[in-house]
Protein backbone atom coordinates (compact mmCIF):
# COMPACT_ATOMS: atom_id res chain seq x y z
CA UNK A 1 0.28 0.16 0.11
CA UNK A 2 1.37 3.43 -1.22
CA UNK A 3 1.57 5.90 1.77
CA UNK A 4 0.81 9.60 0.91
CA UNK A 5 1.55 12.30 3.57
CA UNK A 6 0.94 15.81 3.53
CA UNK A 7 2.61 18.47 5.83
CA UNK A 8 3.08 22.05 6.11
CA UNK A 9 -0.19 23.41 7.05
CA UNK A 10 -1.18 26.00 9.47
CA UNK A 11 -2.77 29.34 10.59
CA UNK A 12 -1.94 32.20 8.47
CA UNK A 13 -3.12 35.77 7.95
CA UNK A 14 -5.24 36.91 4.70
CA UNK A 15 -2.29 38.00 2.22
CA UNK A 16 0.17 35.56 3.77
CA UNK A 17 1.74 32.79 2.13
CA UNK A 18 2.14 28.98 3.02
CA UNK A 19 4.02 25.87 1.31
CA UNK A 20 2.67 22.43 1.56
CA UNK A 21 4.47 19.17 0.81
CA UNK A 22 3.55 15.96 -0.16
CA UNK A 23 5.64 12.72 0.07
CA UNK A 24 4.94 9.40 -1.10
CA UNK A 25 6.32 5.73 -0.19
CA UNK A 26 6.71 5.30 -3.82
CA UNK A 27 8.64 7.25 -6.47
CA UNK A 28 6.61 10.36 -7.16
CA UNK A 29 7.07 10.11 -11.05
CA UNK A 30 5.82 6.66 -10.99
CA UNK A 31 2.21 8.30 -10.84
CA UNK A 32 0.68 9.31 -13.79
CA UNK A 33 -0.71 12.60 -11.98
CA UNK A 34 -0.43 14.02 -8.50
CA UNK A 35 -2.27 16.77 -7.00
CA UNK A 36 -3.74 18.68 -4.54
CA UNK A 37 -7.41 18.86 -3.48
CA UNK A 38 -9.23 20.81 -0.65
CA UNK A 39 -12.48 20.47 1.32
CA UNK A 40 -13.87 23.34 3.44
CA UNK A 41 -16.38 22.49 6.07
CA UNK A 42 -19.90 21.58 4.49
CA UNK A 43 -18.38 21.34 1.18
CA UNK A 44 -17.56 18.93 -1.27
CA UNK A 45 -13.74 17.86 -2.12
CA UNK A 46 -12.50 20.05 -4.95
CA UNK A 47 -9.36 19.90 -7.13
CA UNK A 48 -6.67 22.56 -6.46
CA UNK A 49 -3.98 21.81 -9.12
CA UNK A 50 -2.60 18.73 -10.52
CA UNK A 51 0.71 18.01 -12.25
CA UNK A 52 1.07 15.26 -14.77
CA UNK A 53 4.21 12.85 -14.77
CA UNK A 54 5.28 14.77 -17.89
CA UNK A 55 5.01 18.13 -16.35
CA UNK A 56 1.79 19.43 -17.28
CA UNK A 57 -0.08 21.73 -14.77
CA UNK A 58 -3.93 22.27 -14.35
CA UNK A 59 -5.12 24.90 -11.67
CA UNK A 60 -8.89 25.93 -10.61
CA UNK A 61 -9.80 29.35 -11.48
CA UNK A 62 -10.07 30.40 -7.75
CA UNK A 63 -6.21 29.75 -7.31
CA UNK A 64 -4.93 30.44 -10.81
CA UNK A 65 -1.74 33.27 -10.37
CA UNK A 66 -1.63 32.71 -6.57
CA UNK A 67 -0.73 28.89 -6.19
CA UNK A 68 2.23 26.94 -7.68
CA UNK A 69 2.64 23.16 -7.82
CA UNK A 70 6.25 22.14 -8.10
CA UNK A 71 8.23 18.75 -8.03
CA UNK A 72 11.29 18.04 -5.96
CA UNK A 73 12.76 14.95 -7.46
CA UNK A 74 15.89 14.63 -4.73
CA UNK A 75 13.55 14.94 -1.70
CA UNK A 76 10.83 13.07 -3.59
CA UNK A 77 7.92 15.74 -2.88
CA UNK A 78 5.25 17.62 -4.48
CA UNK A 79 5.01 20.99 -3.28
CA UNK A 80 2.27 23.64 -3.08
CA UNK A 81 3.20 27.14 -2.84
CA UNK A 82 0.28 29.33 -1.97
CA UNK A 83 0.57 33.41 -1.91
CA UNK A 84 -1.82 35.81 -1.42
CA UNK A 85 -4.08 33.61 0.63
CA UNK A 86 -7.56 34.48 1.31
CA UNK A 87 -10.11 33.30 3.94
CA UNK A 88 -11.95 31.49 1.34
CA UNK A 89 -8.62 29.09 0.74
CA UNK A 90 -9.56 27.60 4.71
CA UNK A 91 -9.70 23.97 4.22
CA UNK A 92 -8.35 20.75 4.36
CA UNK A 93 -5.79 20.05 1.94
CA UNK A 94 -5.40 16.65 0.41
CA UNK A 95 -2.48 15.21 -1.63
CA UNK A 96 -3.43 12.79 -4.29
CA UNK A 97 -1.62 10.25 -6.25
CA UNK A 98 -3.09 8.71 -9.37
CA UNK A 99 -1.56 5.21 -10.46
CA UNK A 100 -2.76 3.44 -13.64
CA UNK A 101 -5.15 1.13 -11.20
CA UNK A 102 -5.19 2.95 -7.76
CA UNK A 103 -5.95 6.22 -6.44
CA UNK A 104 -4.11 7.19 -3.36
CA UNK A 105 -4.74 9.94 -0.87
CA UNK A 106 -3.27 11.35 2.32
CA UNK A 107 -4.88 12.20 5.61
CA UNK A 108 -5.12 16.05 4.79
CA UNK A 109 -3.43 19.01 6.28
CA UNK A 110 -5.36 22.28 7.64
CA UNK A 111 -5.09 25.49 6.31
CA UNK A 112 -6.62 28.27 8.26
CA UNK A 113 -6.44 31.92 6.71
CA UNK A 114 -7.90 34.23 9.30
CA UNK A 115 -6.69 37.30 10.90
C-alpha cells in the first residue's frame, strides 16, 4: 500500500503565504498524475491543482496566479506554494497520487486563513 503524507499546514493571515509538501512511499514519478485537493466545512472536496508525470499543470480558476505546484525529485516531494491567501482558501488540503489502477490519498493538512 502506498503511503501519502502531507505537511506544512497552519494558520496564516489574509495575504500571507504557506507551502505545503506531499511525500509518498513510492517514487512520485511513478504516478500518472499528482495533485492537491481541498475540502472546506460543509462543502465537497474540490480540485486545487494537478501535475502530470510529464510536468503539465492544471489549476482551479480560484487559485490561478496565486498557487504553484512543483516537484522535487531529490526529496521525492510535490509542493504547493500558496501566496496571497484568502479566507476562502481555508480548508483541509489533501494530496492525491493517481496510478494506472489505483488512487491514493493522504490524511490531509489543515490550512486556516484568518486575521
